[in-house]
Protein backbone atom coordinates (compact mmCIF):
# COMPACT_ATOMS: atom_id res chain seq x y z
CA MET A 1 -47.22 -44.79 -9.45
CA PRO A 2 -44.01 -46.71 -10.25
CA SER A 3 -43.53 -48.88 -13.30
CA GLU A 4 -46.01 -51.72 -13.19
CA LYS A 5 -44.72 -55.22 -12.58
CA PRO A 6 -47.18 -58.05 -13.21
CA ILE A 7 -47.36 -60.52 -10.35
CA ALA A 8 -49.08 -63.49 -11.95
CA ARG A 9 -51.65 -64.28 -14.60
CA MET A 10 -54.48 -66.71 -13.89
CA LYS A 11 -57.41 -68.08 -15.82
CA ASP A 12 -60.77 -66.74 -14.67
CA SER A 13 -62.35 -70.12 -14.06
CA THR A 14 -59.46 -71.44 -11.97
CA ALA A 15 -59.03 -68.40 -9.70
CA ARG A 16 -59.59 -69.16 -6.03
CA VAL A 17 -61.29 -66.13 -4.48
CA LEU A 18 -61.70 -65.42 -0.77
CA VAL A 19 -64.27 -62.83 0.30
CA LEU A 20 -62.82 -61.63 3.61
CA MET A 21 -65.53 -60.00 5.70
CA ILE A 22 -63.95 -58.30 8.71
CA SER A 23 -66.51 -57.60 11.42
CA TYR A 24 -66.91 -55.88 14.76
CA ASN A 25 -70.24 -55.37 16.52
CA ALA A 26 -72.08 -56.20 13.29
CA GLU A 27 -74.84 -58.46 14.62
CA LYS A 28 -77.52 -56.26 12.99
CA THR A 29 -75.94 -56.21 9.52
CA ILE A 30 -73.84 -59.33 9.08
CA GLU A 31 -76.67 -61.52 7.78
CA SER A 32 -77.81 -59.03 5.14
CA VAL A 33 -74.24 -58.44 3.93
CA LEU A 34 -73.76 -62.21 3.51
CA GLN A 35 -76.96 -62.37 1.48
CA ARG A 36 -75.81 -59.49 -0.76
CA ILE A 37 -72.68 -61.25 -2.00
CA PRO A 38 -73.55 -61.74 -5.70
CA LEU A 39 -73.95 -65.17 -7.28
CA GLU A 40 -71.79 -64.00 -10.22
CA LEU A 41 -68.75 -64.73 -8.07
CA ASN A 42 -69.47 -68.41 -8.59
CA ILE A 43 -67.70 -68.23 -11.96
CA TYR A 44 -64.63 -68.45 -9.74
CA GLN A 45 -63.90 -70.86 -6.92
CA THR A 46 -65.22 -68.49 -4.26
CA ASP A 47 -65.32 -68.93 -0.49
CA VAL A 48 -66.42 -66.52 2.23
CA LEU A 49 -64.65 -65.95 5.56
CA VAL A 50 -66.33 -63.97 8.34
CA LEU A 51 -63.61 -62.87 10.74
CA ASP A 52 -65.09 -61.37 13.89
CA ASP A 53 -62.72 -59.29 15.99
CA ALA A 54 -63.88 -60.48 19.43
CA SER A 55 -67.07 -58.44 19.26
CA PRO A 56 -68.84 -58.01 22.61
CA ASP A 57 -72.20 -58.41 20.79
CA ASN A 58 -73.56 -61.48 18.98
CA THR A 59 -71.80 -61.02 15.62
CA THR A 60 -70.18 -64.47 15.65
CA LYS A 61 -73.36 -66.16 16.89
CA VAL A 62 -75.52 -64.56 14.19
CA ALA A 63 -73.05 -65.49 11.44
CA ARG A 64 -72.88 -69.11 12.58
CA GLU A 65 -76.66 -69.34 12.87
CA PHE A 66 -76.90 -67.99 9.31
CA LYS A 67 -74.55 -70.73 8.11
CA GLU A 68 -76.55 -73.47 9.87
CA SER A 69 -79.91 -72.21 8.66
CA ASN A 70 -78.76 -71.76 5.03
CA PRO A 71 -77.34 -75.13 3.92
CA ASP A 72 -77.88 -74.13 0.29
CA TYR A 73 -75.82 -70.94 0.60
CA PRO A 74 -73.96 -70.69 -2.74
CA PHE A 75 -70.51 -70.20 -1.17
CA SER A 76 -68.46 -72.18 1.28
CA LEU A 77 -68.78 -70.11 4.47
CA THR A 78 -66.31 -70.12 7.37
CA VAL A 79 -66.90 -68.12 10.57
CA LEU A 80 -63.94 -67.40 12.87
CA SER A 81 -63.64 -65.18 15.93
CA ASN A 82 -60.48 -63.73 17.44
CA PRO A 83 -60.05 -64.70 21.09
CA VAL A 84 -58.67 -61.19 21.78
CA ASN A 85 -59.51 -58.00 19.92
CA GLN A 86 -56.82 -57.26 17.32
CA ASN A 87 -58.19 -53.92 16.08
CA ILE A 88 -58.96 -53.50 12.40
CA GLY A 89 -55.38 -53.74 11.18
CA GLY A 90 -54.66 -56.87 13.18
CA ASN A 91 -57.91 -58.45 11.98
CA ILE A 92 -57.04 -57.78 8.33
CA LYS A 93 -53.54 -59.23 8.85
CA LEU A 94 -55.08 -62.45 10.16
CA GLY A 95 -57.41 -62.64 7.17
CA PHE A 96 -54.54 -62.11 4.74
CA TYR A 97 -52.53 -64.81 6.47
CA TYR A 98 -55.54 -67.14 6.16
CA ALA A 99 -55.71 -66.43 2.42
CA ILE A 100 -52.00 -67.13 1.97
CA LYS A 101 -52.03 -70.29 4.10
CA ASN A 102 -55.03 -71.71 2.22
CA GLU A 103 -53.54 -70.87 -1.19
CA TYR A 104 -56.17 -68.48 -2.51
CA ASP A 105 -55.41 -66.36 -5.57
CA ILE A 106 -57.46 -63.26 -4.73
CA VAL A 107 -58.68 -61.81 -1.45
CA CYS A 108 -61.63 -59.37 -1.45
CA LEU A 109 -61.77 -57.21 1.68
CA ILE A 110 -65.25 -56.01 2.70
CA HIS A 111 -66.81 -54.89 6.00
CA GLY A 112 -69.56 -56.61 7.94
CA ASP A 113 -71.42 -53.34 8.59
CA GLY A 114 -72.59 -53.10 4.95
CA GLN A 115 -70.99 -49.71 4.28
CA TYR A 116 -69.21 -51.09 1.19
CA ALA A 117 -71.38 -52.75 -1.42
CA PRO A 118 -70.51 -56.44 -1.98
CA GLU A 119 -72.58 -56.23 -5.18
CA GLU A 120 -69.58 -54.49 -6.78
CA LEU A 121 -67.24 -57.43 -6.26
CA PRO A 122 -67.60 -59.18 -9.65
CA LYS A 123 -66.39 -56.17 -11.65
CA LEU A 124 -63.56 -55.60 -9.17
CA VAL A 125 -62.38 -59.23 -9.18
CA ALA A 126 -62.23 -59.45 -12.98
CA PRO A 127 -59.05 -57.34 -13.59
CA ILE A 128 -57.05 -59.41 -11.10
CA ALA A 129 -58.47 -62.75 -12.26
CA SER A 130 -57.61 -61.92 -15.87
CA GLY A 131 -54.08 -60.84 -14.96
CA GLU A 132 -54.59 -57.15 -15.79
CA ALA A 133 -54.11 -55.83 -12.25
CA ASP A 134 -52.61 -56.84 -8.93
CA THR A 135 -54.64 -54.53 -6.69
CA VAL A 136 -58.13 -53.07 -7.20
CA PHE A 137 -59.84 -50.48 -5.00
CA GLY A 138 -63.48 -49.49 -5.00
CA SER A 139 -63.56 -45.70 -4.67
CA ARG A 140 -66.44 -43.64 -3.29
CA MET A 141 -64.81 -40.39 -4.42
CA MET A 142 -64.44 -40.88 -8.17
CA GLU A 143 -67.80 -39.40 -9.14
CA GLY A 144 -67.96 -35.89 -7.76
CA PHE A 145 -70.31 -35.49 -4.81
CA ARG A 146 -71.96 -38.90 -5.14
CA ALA A 147 -70.54 -39.93 -1.75
CA LEU A 148 -72.46 -37.07 -0.08
CA ARG A 149 -75.68 -38.19 -1.74
CA GLY A 150 -74.97 -41.67 -0.35
CA GLY A 151 -75.00 -40.30 3.19
CA MET A 152 -71.30 -39.62 3.83
CA PRO A 153 -71.12 -36.81 6.42
CA PHE A 154 -69.72 -33.60 4.97
CA TYR A 155 -66.82 -33.42 7.45
CA LYS A 156 -65.77 -36.96 6.48
CA PHE A 157 -66.03 -36.09 2.79
CA VAL A 158 -63.77 -33.04 3.25
CA GLY A 159 -61.38 -34.93 5.51
CA ASN A 160 -61.16 -37.78 3.01
CA LYS A 161 -60.34 -35.35 0.21
CA ILE A 162 -57.68 -33.50 2.22
CA LEU A 163 -55.94 -36.63 3.49
CA THR A 164 -55.98 -38.22 0.05
CA TRP A 165 -54.46 -35.06 -1.47
CA ILE A 166 -51.67 -35.08 1.14
CA GLU A 167 -50.98 -38.77 0.61
CA ASN A 168 -50.92 -38.41 -3.16
CA ARG A 169 -48.37 -35.61 -2.84
CA MET A 170 -46.26 -37.74 -0.51
CA LEU A 171 -46.46 -40.84 -2.68
CA GLY A 172 -46.45 -39.28 -6.12
CA SER A 173 -49.71 -41.04 -7.00
CA ASN A 174 -53.12 -39.91 -8.24
CA LEU A 175 -55.62 -42.05 -6.33
CA SER A 176 -59.10 -40.66 -5.87
CA GLU A 177 -59.41 -42.24 -2.40
CA PHE A 178 -56.90 -43.67 0.06
CA HIS A 179 -59.53 -44.57 2.66
CA THR A 180 -61.90 -47.02 1.05
CA GLY A 181 -62.63 -50.29 2.82
CA LEU A 182 -63.44 -52.20 -0.38
CA ARG A 183 -60.09 -53.53 -1.57
CA LEU A 184 -58.94 -56.53 -3.55
CA TYR A 185 -55.43 -57.96 -3.64
CA SER A 186 -53.62 -60.65 -5.53
CA VAL A 187 -52.44 -63.14 -2.91
CA ASP A 188 -49.12 -63.41 -4.75
CA LEU A 189 -48.75 -59.68 -4.12
CA LEU A 190 -49.51 -60.11 -0.41
CA LYS A 191 -46.76 -62.73 -0.21
CA ARG A 192 -44.28 -60.04 -1.30
CA ILE A 193 -45.47 -57.36 1.11
CA PRO A 194 -44.38 -57.38 4.78
CA PHE A 195 -47.88 -56.38 5.92
CA GLN A 196 -47.29 -58.19 9.22
CA HIS A 197 -45.09 -55.23 10.27
CA ASN A 198 -47.90 -52.73 9.76
CA SER A 199 -49.91 -51.17 12.55
CA ASN A 200 -52.91 -52.96 14.03
CA ASP A 201 -54.74 -49.63 14.03
CA PHE A 202 -56.87 -48.08 11.29
CA HIS A 203 -53.91 -46.59 9.41
CA PHE A 204 -52.89 -50.15 8.48
CA GLU A 205 -54.80 -49.51 5.28
CA THR A 206 -52.70 -46.43 4.46
CA GLU A 207 -49.46 -48.31 5.09
CA ILE A 208 -50.40 -51.10 2.72
CA ILE A 209 -51.09 -48.61 -0.09
CA PHE A 210 -47.52 -47.37 0.29
CA GLN A 211 -46.31 -50.97 0.23
CA VAL A 212 -48.25 -51.69 -2.95
CA HIS A 213 -46.71 -48.58 -4.48
CA TYR A 214 -43.16 -49.55 -3.49
CA ALA A 215 -43.71 -53.07 -4.84
CA GLY A 216 -44.33 -51.49 -8.26
CA CYS A 217 -47.64 -53.29 -8.79
CA ARG A 218 -50.44 -52.66 -11.25
CA PHE A 219 -53.20 -50.69 -9.61
CA ARG A 220 -56.81 -50.06 -10.63
CA GLU A 221 -59.68 -48.00 -9.18
CA TYR A 222 -63.39 -48.30 -9.93
CA PRO A 223 -66.27 -46.16 -8.64
CA ILE A 224 -68.60 -47.69 -6.06
CA PRO A 225 -71.74 -46.37 -4.33
CA THR A 226 -71.67 -45.05 -0.77
CA PHE A 227 -73.93 -46.39 1.99
CA TYR A 228 -74.08 -44.83 5.45
CA GLY A 229 -76.57 -46.29 7.92
CA ASP A 230 -76.90 -46.10 11.67
CA GLU A 231 -73.70 -48.05 12.32
CA ILE A 232 -71.43 -46.73 15.06
CA SER A 233 -68.02 -45.50 13.97
CA HIS A 234 -65.13 -46.85 16.06
CA VAL A 235 -62.58 -44.51 14.47
CA ASN A 236 -61.01 -41.60 16.33
CA GLY A 237 -60.92 -39.20 13.39
CA PHE A 238 -58.14 -36.92 14.63
CA LYS A 239 -55.92 -39.80 15.71
CA TYR A 240 -56.52 -41.57 12.40
CA ALA A 241 -55.70 -38.44 10.38
CA TRP A 242 -52.52 -37.80 12.39
CA ASN A 243 -51.30 -41.40 12.09
CA THR A 244 -52.09 -41.42 8.38
CA VAL A 245 -50.06 -38.27 7.71
CA VAL A 246 -47.17 -39.50 9.88
CA GLN A 247 -46.98 -42.83 8.02
CA ALA A 248 -47.18 -41.05 4.68
CA ALA A 249 -44.33 -38.76 5.76
CA LEU A 250 -42.23 -41.69 6.99
CA GLY A 251 -42.79 -43.55 3.74
CA ARG A 252 -41.68 -40.50 1.77
CA ALA A 253 -38.72 -39.96 4.09
CA GLN A 254 -37.61 -43.52 3.45
CA GLU A 255 -37.70 -42.87 -0.29
CA LEU A 256 -35.41 -39.88 0.35
CA GLY A 257 -33.03 -42.05 2.39
CA LEU A 258 -33.74 -40.20 5.66
CA CYS A 259 -35.05 -43.17 7.64
CA TYR A 260 -35.68 -46.88 7.41
CA GLN A 261 -38.65 -49.04 8.32
CA ARG A 262 -38.77 -52.70 7.40
CA LYS A 263 -42.44 -52.48 6.41
CA PHE A 264 -41.58 -50.06 3.58
CA ASP A 265 -38.60 -52.05 2.31
CA LEU A 266 -39.93 -53.84 -0.75
CA SER A 267 -36.57 -54.34 -2.47
CA GLU A 268 -36.45 -57.56 -4.44
CA LYS A 269 -32.70 -58.13 -4.00
CA ASP A 270 -31.24 -59.27 -0.70
CA HIS A 271 -28.93 -56.84 1.05
CA LYS A 272 -25.33 -58.06 0.75
CA ASP A 273 -23.36 -57.81 3.96
CA ASN A 274 -20.14 -56.48 2.45
CA TYR A 275 -18.57 -53.28 1.26
CA LEU A 276 -19.80 -53.75 -2.31
CA VAL A 277 -23.34 -52.57 -1.46
CA PRO A 278 -24.38 -49.79 -1.87
CA ASN A 279 -20.85 -48.54 -2.46
CA LYS A 280 -20.48 -46.34 -5.55
CA SER A 281 -23.49 -47.76 -7.37
CA VAL A 282 -24.23 -44.11 -8.21
CA LEU A 283 -21.85 -41.17 -7.98
CA ASN A 284 -23.12 -38.64 -5.46
CA ASN A 285 -22.10 -35.07 -4.65
CA THR A 286 -19.32 -36.26 -2.33
CA HIS A 287 -17.77 -38.41 -5.06
CA HIS A 288 -17.97 -35.61 -7.63
CA SER A 289 -16.40 -33.14 -5.18
CA ALA A 290 -13.59 -35.57 -4.39
CA LEU A 291 -12.87 -36.25 -8.06
CA THR A 292 -12.10 -32.56 -8.65
CA ARG A 293 -9.03 -33.12 -6.46
CA VAL A 294 -7.59 -35.76 -8.82
CA ALA A 295 -5.06 -34.54 -11.40
CA ASP A 296 -5.38 -35.74 -15.00
CA GLY A 297 -3.06 -38.57 -15.96
CA THR A 298 -2.75 -39.95 -12.43
CA HIS A 299 -2.11 -43.67 -11.86
CA ILE A 300 -4.86 -44.72 -9.45
CA LEU A 301 -5.74 -47.73 -7.33
CA ASP A 302 -9.50 -47.69 -6.61
CA PHE A 303 -10.34 -49.72 -3.50
CA GLY A 304 -13.90 -51.03 -3.66
CA SER A 305 -14.23 -50.20 -7.36
CA ALA A 306 -17.71 -51.81 -7.53
CA ALA A 307 -19.30 -51.15 -10.94
CA GLY A 308 -16.31 -49.09 -12.07
CA LEU A 309 -18.19 -45.79 -12.36
CA VAL A 310 -15.41 -43.81 -10.69
CA GLY A 311 -12.74 -45.48 -12.80
CA GLU A 312 -14.70 -44.87 -15.97
CA GLN A 313 -14.88 -41.14 -15.23
CA LEU A 314 -11.18 -40.92 -14.43
CA ARG A 315 -10.05 -42.83 -17.51
CA LYS A 316 -11.74 -40.18 -19.64
CA ARG A 317 -9.26 -37.76 -18.07
CA GLY A 318 -6.25 -39.81 -19.05
CA CYS A 319 -5.84 -41.60 -15.72
CA LYS A 320 -4.77 -45.21 -15.48
CA VAL A 321 -7.14 -46.96 -13.07
CA THR A 322 -6.67 -50.29 -11.33
CA GLY A 323 -9.73 -51.55 -9.50
CA LEU A 324 -9.71 -53.69 -6.37
CA ASP A 325 -12.80 -55.41 -5.04
CA ALA A 326 -14.34 -58.77 -4.22
CA ALA A 327 -15.81 -59.07 -7.72
CA ALA A 328 -14.97 -57.52 -11.08
CA PRO A 329 -17.33 -55.01 -12.74
CA GLU A 330 -19.93 -56.63 -14.98
CA GLN A 331 -19.16 -54.19 -17.78
CA ASP A 332 -15.88 -54.75 -19.58
CA GLY A 333 -13.45 -51.95 -20.32
CA VAL A 334 -14.33 -49.56 -17.48
CA LEU A 335 -10.97 -50.23 -15.74
CA ASP A 336 -7.44 -50.74 -17.00
CA GLU A 337 -6.68 -53.52 -14.54
CA PHE A 338 -8.51 -55.36 -11.77
CA ILE A 339 -7.39 -57.11 -8.59
CA VAL A 340 -9.63 -59.55 -6.71
CA ALA A 341 -9.32 -59.04 -2.96
CA ASP A 342 -11.44 -59.14 0.18
CA LEU A 343 -10.83 -55.93 2.12
CA ASN A 344 -12.05 -57.58 5.30
CA ASP A 345 -9.14 -60.03 4.95
CA HIS A 346 -6.21 -57.98 6.22
CA SER A 347 -3.59 -60.29 4.69
CA PHE A 348 -3.97 -58.72 1.22
CA LYS A 349 -0.78 -57.89 -0.66
CA ILE A 350 -0.62 -55.27 -3.39
CA ASP A 351 2.17 -53.78 -5.49
CA LEU A 352 2.09 -50.00 -5.13
CA THR A 353 5.31 -49.24 -6.98
CA ASP A 354 3.68 -47.27 -9.80
CA ILE A 355 0.61 -46.00 -7.91
CA ASP A 356 0.22 -42.25 -7.34
CA LEU A 357 -3.18 -42.13 -5.66
CA ILE A 358 -5.34 -44.56 -3.68
CA LEU A 359 -9.10 -43.99 -3.63
CA LEU A 360 -11.15 -45.07 -0.62
CA PHE A 361 -14.61 -43.80 -1.59
CA ASP A 362 -17.17 -44.82 1.07
CA ILE A 363 -15.10 -47.86 1.99
CA VAL A 364 -13.92 -47.43 5.57
CA ASN A 365 -17.43 -47.17 7.03
CA HIS A 366 -18.40 -50.53 5.45
CA LEU A 367 -15.48 -52.59 6.76
CA HIS A 368 -15.79 -54.99 9.68
CA LYS A 369 -12.54 -53.80 11.31
CA PRO A 370 -11.42 -50.56 9.65
CA GLU A 371 -8.58 -49.97 12.15
CA GLN A 372 -6.85 -53.22 11.17
CA PHE A 373 -7.46 -52.55 7.48
CA LEU A 374 -5.88 -49.09 7.67
CA GLU A 375 -2.92 -50.37 9.65
CA ARG A 376 -2.33 -52.99 6.97
CA LEU A 377 -2.71 -50.36 4.25
CA HIS A 378 -0.15 -48.17 5.98
CA GLN A 379 2.31 -51.08 6.03
CA CYS A 380 1.89 -51.32 2.25
CA THR A 381 2.27 -47.58 1.60
CA HIS A 382 4.77 -46.12 4.05
CA THR A 383 7.77 -47.13 1.93
CA ASN A 384 6.39 -45.08 -0.98
CA PRO A 385 5.82 -41.61 0.46
CA LYS A 386 4.83 -40.18 -2.93
CA ILE A 387 1.50 -42.02 -2.61
CA ARG A 388 -1.52 -40.00 -1.60
CA LEU A 389 -4.91 -41.19 -0.34
CA LEU A 390 -8.27 -39.64 -1.21
CA VAL A 391 -11.04 -40.74 1.16
CA THR A 392 -14.79 -40.08 1.34
CA ALA A 393 -17.30 -40.95 4.07
CA GLY A 394 -20.64 -39.76 5.39
CA ASN A 395 -20.82 -37.28 8.27
CA ILE A 396 -23.10 -38.56 11.02
CA GLY A 397 -23.01 -35.02 12.43
CA PHE A 398 -24.97 -33.72 9.41
CA PHE A 399 -27.68 -31.37 10.63
CA VAL A 400 -30.55 -33.63 9.47
CA ASN A 401 -29.27 -36.44 11.69
CA ARG A 402 -28.87 -34.04 14.59
CA LEU A 403 -32.44 -32.82 14.17
CA GLN A 404 -33.71 -36.40 14.16
CA LEU A 405 -31.92 -37.05 17.45
CA LEU A 406 -33.31 -33.83 18.87
CA PHE A 407 -36.83 -35.19 18.34
CA GLY A 408 -35.98 -38.68 19.54
CA PHE A 409 -35.48 -40.41 16.19
CA PHE A 410 -32.52 -42.43 14.99
CA ASN A 411 -33.54 -44.23 11.83
CA TYR A 412 -31.37 -46.19 9.46
CA GLY A 413 -31.99 -45.75 5.73
CA LYS A 414 -31.54 -47.85 2.63
CA ARG A 415 -28.80 -45.52 1.44
CA GLY A 416 -26.79 -42.57 2.59
CA ILE A 417 -25.10 -41.89 5.92
CA LEU A 418 -27.33 -44.27 7.87
CA ALA A 419 -27.35 -47.17 5.40
CA PRO A 420 -27.71 -50.46 7.33
CA SER A 421 -24.51 -51.81 5.75
CA HIS A 422 -22.41 -49.17 7.53
CA THR A 423 -20.35 -50.61 10.37
CA ARG A 424 -18.95 -47.25 11.50
CA LEU A 425 -20.53 -43.82 11.79
CA LEU A 426 -18.00 -41.03 11.40
CA THR A 427 -17.68 -37.30 12.00
CA PHE A 428 -14.98 -35.02 10.63
CA ALA A 429 -13.02 -35.32 13.88
CA SER A 430 -13.38 -39.08 14.31
CA SER A 431 -12.49 -39.80 10.66
CA LYS A 432 -9.27 -37.76 10.98
CA ARG A 433 -8.41 -39.53 14.21
CA LEU A 434 -9.06 -42.96 12.64
CA PHE A 435 -6.49 -42.33 9.89
CA GLU A 436 -3.97 -40.56 12.09
CA GLU A 437 -3.96 -43.42 14.57
CA ALA A 438 -3.33 -45.83 11.68
CA GLY A 439 -0.22 -43.87 10.66
CA PHE A 440 -1.47 -41.40 8.04
CA GLN A 441 -1.00 -37.66 7.96
CA VAL A 442 -3.94 -35.43 7.02
CA ILE A 443 -3.11 -33.00 4.22
CA ASP A 444 -6.54 -31.43 3.75
CA VAL A 445 -10.16 -31.85 4.87
CA GLY A 446 -13.14 -30.97 2.66
CA ALA A 447 -16.91 -31.27 2.85
CA ALA A 448 -19.64 -31.94 0.29
CA PRO A 449 -23.38 -31.12 0.21
CA ALA A 450 -26.15 -33.69 0.45
CA PRO A 451 -27.22 -35.51 -2.76
CA TYR A 452 -30.49 -33.63 -3.18
CA GLN A 453 -30.76 -34.80 -6.80
CA PHE A 454 -31.43 -38.33 -5.54
CA ALA A 455 -34.43 -37.07 -3.59
CA PHE A 456 -35.88 -34.47 -5.95
CA GLY A 457 -34.34 -35.31 -9.33
CA ASP A 458 -32.07 -33.06 -11.34
CA THR A 459 -34.34 -30.01 -10.98
CA TRP A 460 -33.94 -26.32 -10.19
CA PHE A 461 -35.07 -27.10 -6.65
CA SER A 462 -32.34 -29.67 -5.99
CA ARG A 463 -29.73 -27.36 -7.55
CA LEU A 464 -30.93 -24.51 -5.30
CA LEU A 465 -30.66 -26.72 -2.21
CA THR A 466 -27.15 -27.75 -3.26
CA THR A 467 -26.09 -24.12 -3.64
CA ILE A 468 -27.50 -23.23 -0.22
CA ASN A 469 -25.84 -26.28 1.36
CA LYS A 470 -22.46 -25.30 -0.12
CA ALA A 471 -22.80 -21.81 1.35
CA LEU A 472 -23.66 -23.22 4.76
CA ILE A 473 -20.65 -25.56 4.62
CA ARG A 474 -18.42 -22.49 4.50
CA VAL A 475 -20.06 -21.40 7.77
CA ASN A 476 -19.74 -24.75 9.56
CA LYS A 477 -18.73 -27.90 7.72
CA ASN A 478 -19.12 -30.07 10.82
CA PHE A 479 -22.84 -29.22 10.96
CA PHE A 480 -23.73 -28.75 7.29
CA GLY A 481 -21.27 -31.08 5.57
CA TYR A 482 -23.00 -34.23 4.36
CA GLY A 483 -19.86 -35.87 2.98
CA ILE A 484 -16.36 -35.97 4.43
CA ILE A 485 -13.39 -35.69 2.04
CA LEU A 486 -9.88 -36.38 3.32
CA GLU A 487 -6.56 -36.05 1.51
CA LEU A 488 -3.81 -37.99 3.27
CA LYS A 489 -0.30 -39.28 2.94
CA PRO A 490 1.45 -42.09 4.81
CA ALA A 491 3.57 -40.91 7.72
CA PRO A 492 6.90 -42.66 8.30
CA THR A 493 6.97 -45.55 10.73
CA LEU A 494 9.16 -45.52 13.83
CA SER A 495 11.37 -48.22 12.36
CA HIS A 496 11.90 -46.13 9.23
CA LEU A 497 12.69 -43.00 11.19
CA LEU A 498 15.21 -44.91 13.25
CA GLU A 499 16.84 -46.34 10.13
CA VAL A 500 17.17 -42.84 8.69
CA ALA A 501 18.52 -41.46 11.93
CA GLU A 502 21.17 -44.17 12.01
CA GLY A 503 21.89 -44.06 8.29
CA VAL A 504 24.93 -42.76 6.45
CA THR A 505 24.53 -39.27 5.00
CA ASN A 506 25.91 -38.14 1.69
CA ALA A 507 28.86 -35.84 1.21
CA ASP A 508 26.94 -32.57 1.53
CA GLY A 509 25.50 -33.55 4.89
CA LEU A 510 21.99 -34.53 3.67
CA ASP A 511 20.50 -37.89 4.44
CA HIS A 512 18.40 -39.90 1.99
CA ASP A 513 15.03 -39.66 3.77
CA PRO A 514 12.39 -39.77 1.01
CA TYR A 515 9.91 -37.97 3.28
CA GLY A 516 11.97 -34.82 2.92
CA PRO A 517 15.66 -33.88 3.19
CA ARG A 518 16.91 -32.54 6.46
CA ARG A 519 20.24 -30.99 7.46
CA LYS A 520 22.15 -33.07 9.98
CA GLU A 521 23.44 -31.21 12.99
CA GLN A 522 27.13 -30.35 12.71
CA ALA A 523 29.43 -31.23 15.57
CA PRO A 524 30.36 -28.18 17.63
CA GLN A 525 33.71 -26.70 16.67
CA GLY A 526 36.23 -25.20 18.98
CA ASP A 527 36.95 -21.48 18.94
CA LYS A 528 39.39 -20.45 16.27
CA LYS A 529 42.11 -18.09 17.19
């Protein structure tokens, strides 16, 4: 699990606890489950909510009759019924929203069929009430084969173990059970989790485990007994298993930057709608490959310098680096100079007299109007033909993206080629055309492998994948190149060419065109006799 972040600490006696009993066709068991809720919960300010999911039987009627016939019931009891069946996920969402709206501190999720023992609630509430945990699960699988002795069918026991193993591998966790129905949550935690975007189906409960994980919360498990009676299961086992694995895979894919789903986005910082984010917050394989093309001692202007990581690396090689961005790096001393400018404002003016190289690392695909920006940049550079540009961008034609499209997926990710902050998606051909149409001449085109180290860490496996990717790039960079690298120079403008054509040449017949000397045509001479 990720590093634990405490949500809130509360005093035991002041904690407001909601026992959320979700129910469907539970007319035979609902009364006994209500009676089994232990009196020890009265050390907190505890209420009970029966939330019936439009059962066709008499679940709601039995629960309300129980309330009327038990005026001395030790807890405040509320009975609600959905007008339309919401399925288990939708019913839980409604209960969570009720807990948030009524300002409870802890919500305890149990089932009206009695399969999960409410007697265990006091020991499960305590870690959250004391501020030691944010989420607590009661697990039937922590004590060997106890679940089988409690009546769990063998096929469900095996299926539970297999699915939990898969999900642990996907999530990088070590839970004993992903599929328990006895769960407790801090309400402050629920306020941070976009559970409303989860499925209304049974795999809602798998999705919320991933959300708890991504929120970096403190998690606890405790063993509970297993009870299986004659209740009817409403779960399609194969469908549930498939949906569970798919959601686990999608959650993992989002961690790897391969897709994006709002329900798994638990980032605490708002996404900034400008070219600063996520630009160069970490140097990836494309940046490292591009930097090998920079000569030591070069005078560089780094557009979108962000945190200054690129400039810091280049200064170690004797380069002089001027950064240009909307805000200066927080760390002092990573750049030689800094210019404040908004690249989406095309009226910027910069002095390029002493600049040898301009860096545009993952900049163009974040700009609102890259064509206008590049045209303006060409106006600033064409009078100094010694200047070179080094550009990086993501290749939307990367084979992973093509495979996603083949299977009908097109998912944005929190980082990488399909980061939501990208305004343009580029291929090798379209990136060349973009710069050529703005007045630049392409000197060289390179490709870089995917940043596997971000997904798998700096391990032998990520290094092996990088080596394989580099070999495949030599076969077809358009298909296997993750990053695009362009080296460019400004081409002369028409007005400049005309000025040169009309200019006065020097004595030896050469003009003064800085883009390269050319021999002027000599006037034809008459035949000599």
